N, C-alpha and C. Protein backbone atom coordinates (compact mmCIF):
# COMPACT_ATOMS: atom_id res chain seq x y z
N MET A 1 -65.65 62.34 -36.83
CA MET A 1 -66.16 63.16 -38.17
C MET A 1 -66.88 62.17 -39.01
N LEU A 2 -66.16 60.85 -39.33
CA LEU A 2 -66.70 59.82 -40.06
C LEU A 2 -68.13 59.46 -39.61
N LYS A 3 -68.17 59.27 -38.16
CA LYS A 3 -69.50 58.74 -37.49
C LYS A 3 -70.45 59.79 -37.83
N PHE A 4 -70.30 61.25 -37.94
CA PHE A 4 -71.10 62.19 -38.14
C PHE A 4 -71.85 61.98 -39.50
N ILE A 5 -70.87 61.55 -40.55
CA ILE A 5 -71.15 61.70 -41.97
C ILE A 5 -71.93 60.31 -41.97
N LYS A 6 -71.58 59.17 -41.43
CA LYS A 6 -72.35 57.99 -41.77
C LYS A 6 -73.79 58.09 -41.03
N HIS A 7 -73.86 58.68 -39.82
CA HIS A 7 -75.14 58.81 -39.21
C HIS A 7 -76.07 59.73 -40.10
N HIS A 8 -75.44 60.80 -40.71
CA HIS A 8 -76.16 61.75 -41.44
C HIS A 8 -76.49 61.01 -42.83
N MET A 9 -75.65 60.04 -43.35
CA MET A 9 -75.98 59.53 -44.53
C MET A 9 -77.31 58.42 -44.23
N ASP A 10 -77.18 57.68 -43.02
CA ASP A 10 -78.07 56.73 -42.81
C ASP A 10 -79.58 57.29 -42.67
N SER A 11 -79.61 58.63 -42.12
CA SER A 11 -80.96 59.19 -42.00
C SER A 11 -81.75 59.60 -43.33
N ILE A 12 -81.02 59.39 -44.44
CA ILE A 12 -81.45 59.88 -45.72
C ILE A 12 -82.22 58.62 -46.37
N SER A 13 -83.43 58.67 -46.60
CA SER A 13 -84.03 57.54 -47.15
C SER A 13 -83.74 57.27 -48.63
N GLY A 14 -83.51 55.96 -49.22
CA GLY A 14 -83.30 55.66 -50.43
C GLY A 14 -81.82 56.16 -51.04
N ILE A 15 -80.91 56.53 -49.93
CA ILE A 15 -79.55 56.81 -50.49
C ILE A 15 -78.82 55.52 -50.85
N GLU A 16 -79.21 54.39 -50.61
CA GLU A 16 -78.63 53.27 -50.91
C GLU A 16 -78.47 52.96 -52.45
N ILE A 17 -79.27 53.51 -53.29
CA ILE A 17 -79.31 53.21 -54.63
C ILE A 17 -78.22 54.04 -55.32
N TYR A 18 -77.84 55.25 -54.74
CA TYR A 18 -76.71 56.02 -55.49
C TYR A 18 -75.49 55.27 -55.76
N PRO A 19 -74.78 54.54 -54.85
CA PRO A 19 -73.61 53.73 -55.26
C PRO A 19 -73.99 52.75 -56.37
N ILE A 20 -75.09 52.23 -56.44
CA ILE A 20 -75.18 51.35 -57.48
C ILE A 20 -75.33 51.93 -58.84
N ILE A 21 -76.12 53.12 -58.81
CA ILE A 21 -76.23 53.95 -60.06
C ILE A 21 -74.74 54.33 -60.45
N SER A 22 -74.03 54.85 -59.54
CA SER A 22 -72.57 55.26 -59.77
C SER A 22 -71.76 54.11 -60.40
N LEU A 23 -71.73 53.01 -59.75
CA LEU A 23 -71.14 51.85 -60.24
C LEU A 23 -71.44 51.32 -61.82
N SER A 24 -72.78 51.57 -61.98
CA SER A 24 -73.54 51.07 -63.18
C SER A 24 -72.88 52.10 -64.30
N ILE A 25 -72.85 53.45 -63.99
CA ILE A 25 -72.42 54.25 -64.89
C ILE A 25 -71.09 54.26 -65.33
N PHE A 26 -70.33 54.03 -64.19
CA PHE A 26 -68.74 53.88 -64.50
C PHE A 26 -68.54 52.57 -65.34
N PHE A 27 -69.28 51.44 -64.93
CA PHE A 27 -68.96 50.13 -65.74
C PHE A 27 -69.40 50.32 -67.06
N LEU A 28 -70.72 50.85 -67.40
CA LEU A 28 -71.17 51.12 -68.79
C LEU A 28 -70.17 51.96 -69.71
N PHE A 29 -69.90 53.10 -68.96
CA PHE A 29 -68.95 53.94 -69.86
C PHE A 29 -67.48 53.33 -70.09
N PHE A 30 -66.92 52.56 -69.47
CA PHE A 30 -65.86 51.62 -69.69
C PHE A 30 -66.10 50.58 -70.77
N VAL A 31 -67.10 50.09 -70.64
CA VAL A 31 -67.60 48.90 -71.55
C VAL A 31 -67.75 49.52 -72.86
N MET A 32 -68.48 50.63 -72.99
CA MET A 32 -68.64 51.40 -74.28
C MET A 32 -67.39 51.78 -74.81
N LEU A 33 -66.52 52.24 -74.05
CA LEU A 33 -65.21 52.71 -74.49
C LEU A 33 -64.43 51.56 -75.03
N LEU A 34 -64.59 50.34 -74.29
CA LEU A 34 -63.89 49.26 -74.85
C LEU A 34 -64.41 48.78 -76.13
N VAL A 35 -65.72 48.72 -76.17
CA VAL A 35 -66.27 48.27 -77.68
C VAL A 35 -65.92 49.49 -78.87
N TRP A 36 -65.75 50.60 -78.35
CA TRP A 36 -65.52 51.61 -79.51
C TRP A 36 -63.97 51.38 -79.81
N VAL A 37 -63.23 51.00 -79.01
CA VAL A 37 -61.69 51.03 -79.16
C VAL A 37 -61.47 49.66 -80.02
N PHE A 38 -62.05 48.59 -79.85
CA PHE A 38 -61.92 47.56 -80.71
C PHE A 38 -62.65 47.31 -82.00
N SER A 39 -63.60 48.26 -82.03
CA SER A 39 -64.33 48.16 -83.28
C SER A 39 -64.01 49.37 -84.30
N TYR A 40 -63.05 50.22 -83.85
CA TYR A 40 -62.55 51.36 -84.55
C TYR A 40 -61.72 50.88 -85.79
N SER A 41 -61.74 51.45 -86.85
CA SER A 41 -61.09 51.09 -88.26
C SER A 41 -59.62 51.02 -88.03
N LYS A 42 -58.95 49.95 -88.48
CA LYS A 42 -57.55 49.76 -88.49
C LYS A 42 -56.97 50.82 -89.33
N ASP A 43 -57.65 51.17 -90.50
CA ASP A 43 -57.05 52.01 -91.47
C ASP A 43 -57.04 53.45 -90.86
N ARG A 44 -58.08 53.78 -90.10
CA ARG A 44 -58.06 55.19 -89.49
C ARG A 44 -57.11 55.20 -88.48
N ILE A 45 -56.88 54.15 -87.81
CA ILE A 45 -55.87 54.23 -86.78
C ILE A 45 -54.34 54.25 -87.33
N LYS A 46 -54.13 53.67 -88.47
CA LYS A 46 -52.93 53.95 -89.19
C LYS A 46 -52.83 55.17 -89.68
N GLU A 47 -53.84 55.94 -90.29
CA GLU A 47 -53.78 57.14 -90.75
C GLU A 47 -53.58 58.17 -89.61
N LEU A 48 -54.02 58.15 -88.57
CA LEU A 48 -53.93 58.99 -87.44
C LEU A 48 -52.63 58.87 -86.87
N SER A 49 -52.06 57.49 -86.91
CA SER A 49 -50.66 57.54 -86.31
C SER A 49 -49.54 58.06 -87.23
N ASP A 50 -50.00 58.26 -88.42
CA ASP A 50 -48.87 58.79 -89.51
C ASP A 50 -48.88 60.24 -89.55
N ILE A 51 -49.86 60.77 -88.88
CA ILE A 51 -49.88 62.40 -88.97
C ILE A 51 -48.56 62.86 -88.48
N PRO A 52 -48.00 62.46 -87.38
CA PRO A 52 -46.79 63.36 -86.92
C PRO A 52 -45.61 63.10 -87.70
N LEU A 53 -45.70 61.97 -88.71
CA LEU A 53 -44.63 61.74 -89.64
C LEU A 53 -44.65 62.31 -90.95
N ASN A 54 -45.91 62.95 -91.20
CA ASN A 54 -46.17 63.63 -92.39
C ASN A 54 -45.37 64.97 -92.49
N GLU A 55 -44.74 65.16 -93.43
CA GLU A 55 -44.07 66.48 -93.76
C GLU A 55 -44.83 67.39 -94.47
N ASP A 56 -46.11 67.11 -94.98
CA ASP A 56 -46.88 68.01 -95.72
C ASP A 56 -47.55 69.01 -94.69
N LYS A 57 -47.22 70.29 -95.12
CA LYS A 57 -47.90 71.41 -94.30
C LYS A 57 -48.73 72.28 -95.12
């Protein structure tokens, strides 16, 4: 079964770019997420973490 898939994929021209694009999108997403997490306001994080403890309804 794997030989059939591999042979079929080899017959498609330009298929080698798709794994590179997929890895780039994956890497870029997690780098952007990491930048967002480290640049998020500490005050806002504290405010959001206190929400479950607030008894104001």
